[in-house]
Amino acid sequence: MAAKVLSGFRKRDQRLLRKLNDDILKRTAMHCNLACFNLAVFSYVLSKIVSKPRFLHAEYKSGLIGIERVFERLIDRLDSANEAELTQIFSELETAIAHLEAKDPRFVVDLVTKGKLKMAATFYAQGMSLGVAAEMTGLEKQEILDYAGETMMFDRLQAEKTINERIKTARKLLNG
């Protein structure tokens, strides 16, 4: 899946990146692991980057290539790296994106924080516990609640989890 995200980013295909993000979100909800969650965040963030015409100008080319290089390393290490190494690579990816944004900051929060908020609020709205969503992102519970409330995310979700699905998810989380 990560290779498809990189391919979509290289093609600057926002629609493909959003579709991949939806697919990754579904997988993350089932597996509840940090690598999947971060891949969901960054697939969303990369879709936001390619949706902004200014990031496609020549002055941003080296920043985009830097993001691609870190993502290549992520793909190479995704299956064999331990959690600490993956966390480090995702951190480098966040730094590369922050470097891209630093040239022309226009947002109240940076793209990665926005991505984390959106993914955490989406998972919470779909039935993941607020505590787990906060733990995976490193964000405060109140930040997630505020974002979900401001965006009316709960009103837009079509597929709600049944109580049985919520119990299954809770059991997976408790059993590791």
Protein backbone atom coordinates (compact mmCIF):
# COMPACT_ATOMS: atom_id res chain seq x y z
CA MET A 1 0.00 0.00 0.00
CA ALA A 2 2.85 2.41 0.85
CA ALA A 3 4.34 1.92 -2.62
CA LYS A 4 1.00 2.92 -4.16
CA VAL A 5 0.97 6.06 -2.01
CA LEU A 6 4.43 7.02 -3.23
CA SER A 7 3.40 6.33 -6.83
CA GLY A 8 0.31 8.52 -6.44
CA PHE A 9 2.42 11.28 -4.92
CA ARG A 10 4.95 11.11 -7.76
CA LYS A 11 2.09 11.34 -10.26
CA ARG A 12 0.66 14.25 -8.22
CA ASP A 13 -2.66 12.38 -8.30
CA GLN A 14 -4.79 13.76 -5.48
CA ARG A 15 -7.78 11.57 -6.30
CA LEU A 16 -5.70 8.38 -6.11
CA LEU A 17 -4.11 9.49 -2.83
CA ARG A 18 -7.54 10.13 -1.30
CA LYS A 19 -8.77 6.73 -2.44
CA LEU A 20 -5.68 5.08 -1.00
CA ASN A 21 -6.21 7.03 2.22
CA ASP A 22 -9.74 5.61 2.48
CA ASP A 23 -8.37 2.09 1.97
CA ILE A 24 -5.63 2.61 4.55
CA LEU A 25 -8.16 3.99 7.04
CA LYS A 26 -10.22 0.81 6.72
CA ARG A 27 -7.14 -1.36 7.28
CA THR A 28 -6.01 0.76 10.21
CA ALA A 29 -9.41 0.45 11.89
CA MET A 30 -9.06 -3.33 11.67
CA HIS A 31 -5.40 -3.64 12.70
CA CYS A 32 -5.01 -0.63 15.02
CA ASN A 33 -1.24 -0.36 14.70
CA LEU A 34 0.91 2.73 14.67
CA ALA A 35 2.50 2.09 11.26
CA CYS A 36 -0.91 1.83 9.57
CA PHE A 37 -2.13 4.90 11.40
CA ASN A 38 0.90 6.94 10.33
CA LEU A 39 0.55 5.73 6.76
CA ALA A 40 -3.06 6.95 6.86
CA VAL A 41 -1.94 10.34 8.17
CA PHE A 42 0.78 10.77 5.58
CA SER A 43 -1.31 9.55 2.63
CA TYR A 44 -3.81 12.27 3.59
CA VAL A 45 -1.06 14.88 4.00
CA LEU A 46 0.48 14.01 0.63
CA SER A 47 -2.93 14.38 -1.00
CA LYS A 48 -3.20 17.84 0.56
CA ILE A 49 0.25 18.78 -0.76
CA VAL A 50 -0.54 17.78 -4.34
CA SER A 51 -3.87 19.61 -4.13
CA LYS A 52 -2.08 22.93 -3.54
CA PRO A 53 -0.88 24.39 -6.87
CA ARG A 54 1.85 26.44 -5.20
CA PHE A 55 3.63 23.27 -4.09
CA LEU A 56 3.94 22.24 -7.74
CA HIS A 57 6.12 25.26 -8.63
CA ALA A 58 9.83 24.76 -9.32
CA GLU A 59 10.90 26.34 -6.02
CA TYR A 60 9.34 23.40 -4.14
CA LYS A 61 10.85 20.66 -6.33
CA SER A 62 13.73 19.84 -3.98
CA GLY A 63 11.32 19.64 -1.03
CA LEU A 64 9.04 17.25 -2.92
CA ILE A 65 12.03 15.10 -3.88
CA GLY A 66 13.12 15.07 -0.22
CA ILE A 67 9.70 13.78 0.79
CA GLU A 68 9.90 11.10 -1.90
CA ARG A 69 13.33 9.94 -0.68
CA VAL A 70 12.16 9.55 2.91
CA PHE A 71 9.06 7.73 1.70
CA GLU A 72 11.25 5.36 -0.38
CA ARG A 73 13.18 4.49 2.77
CA LEU A 74 9.92 3.92 4.61
CA ILE A 75 8.82 1.46 1.92
CA ASP A 76 12.16 -0.35 2.08
CA ARG A 77 11.98 -0.74 5.86
CA LEU A 78 8.23 -1.06 6.48
CA ASP A 79 8.14 -4.86 6.71
CA SER A 80 11.39 -5.43 8.58
CA ALA A 81 11.93 -2.40 10.83
CA ASN A 82 11.03 -2.34 14.49
CA GLU A 83 8.61 0.24 15.86
CA ALA A 84 11.38 2.62 16.97
CA GLU A 85 12.92 2.70 13.49
CA LEU A 86 9.55 3.25 11.83
CA THR A 87 8.80 6.05 14.28
CA GLN A 88 12.12 7.66 13.32
CA ILE A 89 11.36 7.43 9.59
CA PHE A 90 7.88 8.89 10.08
CA SER A 91 9.49 11.68 12.10
CA GLU A 92 11.88 12.38 9.21
CA LEU A 93 8.92 12.44 6.85
CA GLU A 94 7.22 14.98 9.11
CA THR A 95 10.40 17.09 9.10
CA ALA A 96 10.59 16.96 5.29
CA ILE A 97 6.99 18.14 5.03
CA ALA A 98 7.58 20.89 7.59
CA HIS A 99 10.57 22.04 5.51
CA LEU A 100 8.31 22.22 2.45
CA GLU A 101 5.70 24.25 4.36
CA ALA A 102 8.28 26.58 5.93
CA LYS A 103 8.77 28.44 2.64
CA ASP A 104 5.16 29.61 2.61
CA PRO A 105 3.24 28.90 5.83
CA ARG A 106 -0.48 29.50 5.38
CA PHE A 107 -2.18 27.23 7.88
CA VAL A 108 -3.19 27.64 11.51
CA VAL A 109 -1.72 24.19 12.14
CA ASP A 110 0.84 22.39 10.02
CA LEU A 111 -0.29 19.75 7.54
CA VAL A 112 0.90 16.78 9.59
CA THR A 113 -0.91 17.95 12.72
CA LYS A 114 -4.04 18.53 10.65
CA GLY A 115 -3.66 15.03 9.20
CA LYS A 116 -3.29 13.52 12.66
CA LEU A 117 -6.34 15.41 13.90
CA LYS A 118 -8.42 14.34 10.93
CA MET A 119 -7.42 10.68 11.17
CA ALA A 120 -7.89 10.56 14.96
CA ALA A 121 -11.29 12.22 14.73
CA THR A 122 -12.33 9.90 11.91
CA PHE A 123 -11.37 6.83 13.92
CA TYR A 124 -13.15 8.18 16.97
CA ALA A 125 -16.25 8.93 14.91
CA GLN A 126 -16.15 5.36 13.57
CA GLY A 127 -16.07 3.85 17.04
CA MET A 128 -12.43 3.72 18.15
CA SER A 129 -12.03 4.89 21.71
CA LEU A 130 -10.98 8.49 22.19
CA GLY A 131 -8.11 7.31 24.39
CA VAL A 132 -6.67 5.03 21.70
CA ALA A 133 -7.03 7.74 19.05
CA ALA A 134 -5.22 10.21 21.32
CA GLU A 135 -2.51 7.71 22.19
CA MET A 136 -1.79 6.88 18.54
CA THR A 137 -1.45 10.55 17.58
CA GLY A 138 0.11 12.02 20.68
CA LEU A 139 -2.69 14.62 20.62
CA GLU A 140 -4.86 15.64 23.53
CA LYS A 141 -8.34 14.13 23.69
CA GLN A 142 -9.87 17.58 23.78
CA GLU A 143 -8.08 18.56 20.54
CA ILE A 144 -9.60 15.55 18.79
CA LEU A 145 -13.07 16.30 20.17
CA ASP A 146 -12.79 19.95 19.15
CA TYR A 147 -11.74 19.04 15.62
CA ALA A 148 -14.51 16.46 15.25
CA GLY A 149 -17.07 18.97 16.51
CA GLU A 150 -15.85 21.83 14.31
CA THR A 151 -15.94 19.69 11.17
CA MET A 152 -19.27 18.01 11.92
CA MET A 153 -17.52 14.73 11.11
CA PHE A 154 -20.09 12.63 12.97
CA ASP A 155 -22.87 14.03 10.80
CA ARG A 156 -21.12 12.96 7.58
CA LEU A 157 -20.16 9.39 8.47
CA GLN A 158 -22.39 6.90 6.73
CA ALA A 159 -21.11 3.57 8.06
CA GLU A 160 -21.49 3.36 11.81
CA LYS A 161 -20.05 0.48 13.79
CA THR A 162 -22.44 -1.84 15.53
CA ILE A 163 -21.94 -2.67 19.19
CA ASN A 164 -20.57 -6.10 18.14
CA GLU A 165 -17.98 -4.45 15.89
CA ARG A 166 -16.98 -2.13 18.71
CA ILE A 167 -16.55 -5.10 21.05
CA LYS A 168 -14.40 -6.89 18.44
CA THR A 169 -12.19 -3.81 18.10
CA ALA A 170 -11.88 -3.50 21.88
CA ARG A 171 -10.92 -7.17 22.18
CA LYS A 172 -8.23 -6.77 19.49
CA LEU A 173 -6.81 -3.78 21.32
CA LEU A 174 -6.76 -5.60 24.65
CA ASN A 175 -5.26 -8.79 23.27
CA GLY A 176 -2.48 -6.97 21.38
